[in-house]
C-alpha cells in the first residue's frame, strides 16, 4: 500500500494512505521507496476515467510515454499564455452571458440537485474543445457512474 508523508511528530511520521488499509495498524513498519508520486500523462488517457492517482477505473492497463510528478512547482504565472480566444461551450446561456476562453479553467459550484452534472455534460458534448478534462471532486461513486452514463454518454466521453 502506498502512502504519502504529510507530517512529523516527536517520534514518528504522519502518513496519508493512498489505498486500502487492510492489514495496516498502529506500529506497522513503513519502508520508504525513495520514489515520488507520479501519474501517467499522454494521449493514451483520452476517453479514460481515472481515479485520483491516474489509474483507469475500468481496470485496463494504460502504457503512457510520460509520467508527471505530482509534487511539482506550479507554473510561473508570468510565463503563462494570456487567454485571448473565445471557445463556444455549446450552451447558449453561457456563451451569451459568461464568455469562456481557450485554456481557461472553469469551476461549477452550487447546491445539490440544481443541475451541475447536466450542465457539465452539455459542455462536454457540445463545446468546440479538442479535449475536456473533468474532475468530479467529492462526488459519490454512484453519482460518478450516473454522470458518465446519463449526462456524459458516449458522445461526451470521446473528448475526455
Protein backbone atom coordinates (compact mmCIF):
# COMPACT_ATOMS: atom_id res chain seq x y z
CA UNK A 1 0.00 0.00 0.00
CA UNK A 2 1.26 3.47 -0.85
CA UNK A 3 1.12 6.44 1.50
CA UNK A 4 2.36 9.99 1.41
CA UNK A 5 4.25 11.63 4.26
CA UNK A 6 2.15 14.62 5.35
CA UNK A 7 3.75 15.49 8.68
CA UNK A 8 6.05 14.62 11.52
CA UNK A 9 5.62 14.07 15.25
CA UNK A 10 8.22 13.88 18.04
CA UNK A 11 8.88 10.20 17.41
CA UNK A 12 7.24 9.36 14.12
CA UNK A 13 5.64 10.46 10.90
CA UNK A 14 2.09 11.12 9.77
CA UNK A 15 1.04 9.31 6.61
CA UNK A 16 -1.88 9.83 4.23
CA UNK A 17 -2.87 6.41 2.87
CA UNK A 18 -3.42 6.17 -0.87
CA UNK A 19 -5.22 2.86 -0.92
CA UNK A 20 -6.85 0.09 1.09
CA UNK A 21 -5.78 -0.04 4.74
CA UNK A 22 -6.46 -3.74 5.23
CA UNK A 23 -3.67 -5.19 7.36
CA UNK A 24 -2.28 -1.81 8.40
CA UNK A 25 -2.39 -0.79 12.05
CA UNK A 26 -0.56 1.38 14.57
CA UNK A 27 3.00 0.17 14.78
CA UNK A 28 3.11 -1.26 11.25
CA UNK A 29 6.53 -1.00 9.66
CA UNK A 30 6.92 1.61 6.94
CA UNK A 31 9.59 1.47 4.26
CA UNK A 32 10.45 4.47 2.12
CA UNK A 33 10.55 3.78 -1.60
CA UNK A 34 12.58 6.84 -2.48
CA UNK A 35 10.10 7.46 -5.28
CA UNK A 36 7.89 10.46 -5.72
CA UNK A 37 4.22 10.07 -6.54
CA UNK A 38 3.72 10.24 -10.31
CA UNK A 39 0.75 9.89 -12.63
CA UNK A 40 0.67 8.90 -16.29
CA UNK A 41 0.09 11.61 -18.90
CA UNK A 42 -0.48 11.39 -22.64
CA UNK A 43 -2.93 10.80 -25.45
CA UNK A 44 -3.44 7.22 -24.23
CA UNK A 45 -5.64 8.66 -21.46
CA UNK A 46 -8.20 10.22 -23.82
CA UNK A 47 -11.62 8.71 -23.18
CA UNK A 48 -10.49 7.09 -19.92
CA UNK A 49 -11.99 7.51 -16.49
CA UNK A 50 -9.27 7.73 -13.85
CA UNK A 51 -9.06 7.73 -10.08
CA UNK A 52 -7.12 10.36 -8.14
CA UNK A 53 -3.82 8.57 -8.78
CA UNK A 54 -4.30 8.33 -12.55
CA UNK A 55 -5.30 4.67 -12.58
CA UNK A 56 -8.05 3.66 -15.04
CA UNK A 57 -11.25 2.70 -13.22
CA UNK A 58 -12.13 0.13 -15.88
CA UNK A 59 -9.11 -1.98 -14.88
CA UNK A 60 -7.36 -1.51 -18.23
CA UNK A 61 -3.59 -1.24 -18.40
CA UNK A 62 -2.51 2.03 -19.98
CA UNK A 63 1.04 2.45 -21.24
CA UNK A 64 1.78 6.19 -21.28
CA UNK A 65 5.04 7.54 -22.61
CA UNK A 66 5.40 10.09 -19.81
CA UNK A 67 4.86 10.30 -16.08
CA UNK A 68 4.20 13.58 -14.27
CA UNK A 69 5.47 14.23 -10.77
CA UNK A 70 2.54 15.34 -8.57
CA UNK A 71 4.82 17.25 -6.23
CA UNK A 72 5.91 19.82 -8.81
CA UNK A 73 6.28 23.55 -8.67
CA UNK A 74 3.32 25.45 -10.13
CA UNK A 75 3.86 27.13 -13.47
CA UNK A 76 5.15 30.67 -13.32
CA UNK A 77 2.08 32.89 -13.84
CA UNK A 78 4.15 35.40 -15.79
CA UNK A 79 5.09 32.74 -18.33
CA UNK A 80 1.56 31.51 -18.95
CA UNK A 81 -0.13 32.41 -22.20
CA UNK A 82 -2.88 35.02 -21.81
CA UNK A 83 -6.40 33.84 -22.51
CA UNK A 84 -7.44 35.81 -25.57
CA UNK A 85 -9.53 33.48 -27.75
CA UNK A 86 -13.16 32.59 -27.06
CA UNK A 87 -14.33 28.99 -27.02
CA UNK A 88 -18.01 28.28 -27.63
CA UNK A 89 -19.33 25.97 -24.92
CA UNK A 90 -22.40 24.97 -26.91
CA UNK A 91 -24.64 26.27 -24.11
CA UNK A 92 -26.30 29.50 -25.29
CA UNK A 93 -26.83 30.90 -21.79
CA UNK A 94 -23.11 30.58 -21.01
CA UNK A 95 -21.91 31.77 -24.41
CA UNK A 96 -24.20 34.80 -24.21
CA UNK A 97 -23.54 35.89 -20.64
CA UNK A 98 -20.33 34.25 -19.41
CA UNK A 99 -17.80 34.07 -22.22
CA UNK A 100 -15.19 31.34 -21.74
CA UNK A 101 -11.70 31.38 -23.21
CA UNK A 102 -9.46 28.72 -24.68
CA UNK A 103 -7.26 27.35 -21.90
CA UNK A 104 -9.46 28.74 -19.14
CA UNK A 105 -10.30 26.65 -16.10
CA UNK A 106 -13.91 26.69 -15.01
CA UNK A 107 -15.41 25.66 -11.68
CA UNK A 108 -19.11 24.89 -11.30
CA UNK A 109 -20.27 25.35 -7.72
CA UNK A 110 -23.85 25.05 -6.50
CA UNK A 111 -26.09 23.17 -4.11
CA UNK A 112 -27.20 19.60 -4.67
CA UNK A 113 -29.84 18.83 -7.27
CA UNK A 114 -29.60 22.06 -9.27
CA UNK A 115 -28.14 20.67 -12.50
CA UNK A 116 -24.34 20.93 -12.24
CA UNK A 117 -23.81 17.49 -13.76
CA UNK A 118 -26.32 18.17 -16.54
CA UNK A 119 -24.56 21.44 -17.38
CA UNK A 120 -21.14 19.77 -17.31
CA UNK A 121 -22.41 17.04 -19.63
CA UNK A 122 -23.78 19.63 -22.05
CA UNK A 123 -20.46 21.48 -22.17
CA UNK A 124 -18.55 18.22 -22.72
CA UNK A 125 -20.88 17.18 -25.56
CA UNK A 126 -21.37 20.47 -27.37
CA UNK A 127 -18.27 22.59 -26.82
CA UNK A 128 -15.73 23.04 -29.57
CA UNK A 129 -12.88 21.91 -27.29
CA UNK A 130 -10.40 19.38 -28.58
CA UNK A 131 -10.10 17.81 -25.11
CA UNK A 132 -12.13 18.18 -21.92
CA UNK A 133 -10.65 17.33 -18.55
CA UNK A 134 -13.41 16.86 -16.00
CA UNK A 135 -12.68 16.47 -12.29
CA UNK A 136 -15.59 15.24 -10.17
CA UNK A 137 -14.24 16.26 -6.79
CA UNK A 138 -16.18 14.98 -3.80
CA UNK A 139 -18.78 13.06 -5.81
CA UNK A 140 -20.08 9.73 -4.55
CA UNK A 141 -19.29 6.65 -6.62
CA UNK A 142 -22.89 6.18 -7.75
CA UNK A 143 -23.03 9.84 -8.82
CA UNK A 144 -19.88 9.42 -10.92
CA UNK A 145 -21.36 6.40 -12.70
CA UNK A 146 -24.67 8.21 -13.24
CA UNK A 147 -22.84 11.26 -14.66
CA UNK A 148 -20.82 9.14 -17.08
CA UNK A 149 -23.77 7.08 -18.28
CA UNK A 150 -26.58 9.67 -18.22
CA UNK A 151 -25.08 13.14 -18.57
CA UNK A 152 -21.85 12.48 -20.47
CA UNK A 153 -22.68 9.43 -22.56
CA UNK A 154 -20.52 8.13 -25.39
CA UNK A 155 -20.64 11.42 -27.27
CA UNK A 156 -19.31 13.40 -24.31
CA UNK A 157 -16.76 10.76 -23.34
CA UNK A 158 -15.00 10.74 -26.71
CA UNK A 159 -13.30 14.11 -26.00
CA UNK A 160 -12.29 13.35 -22.43
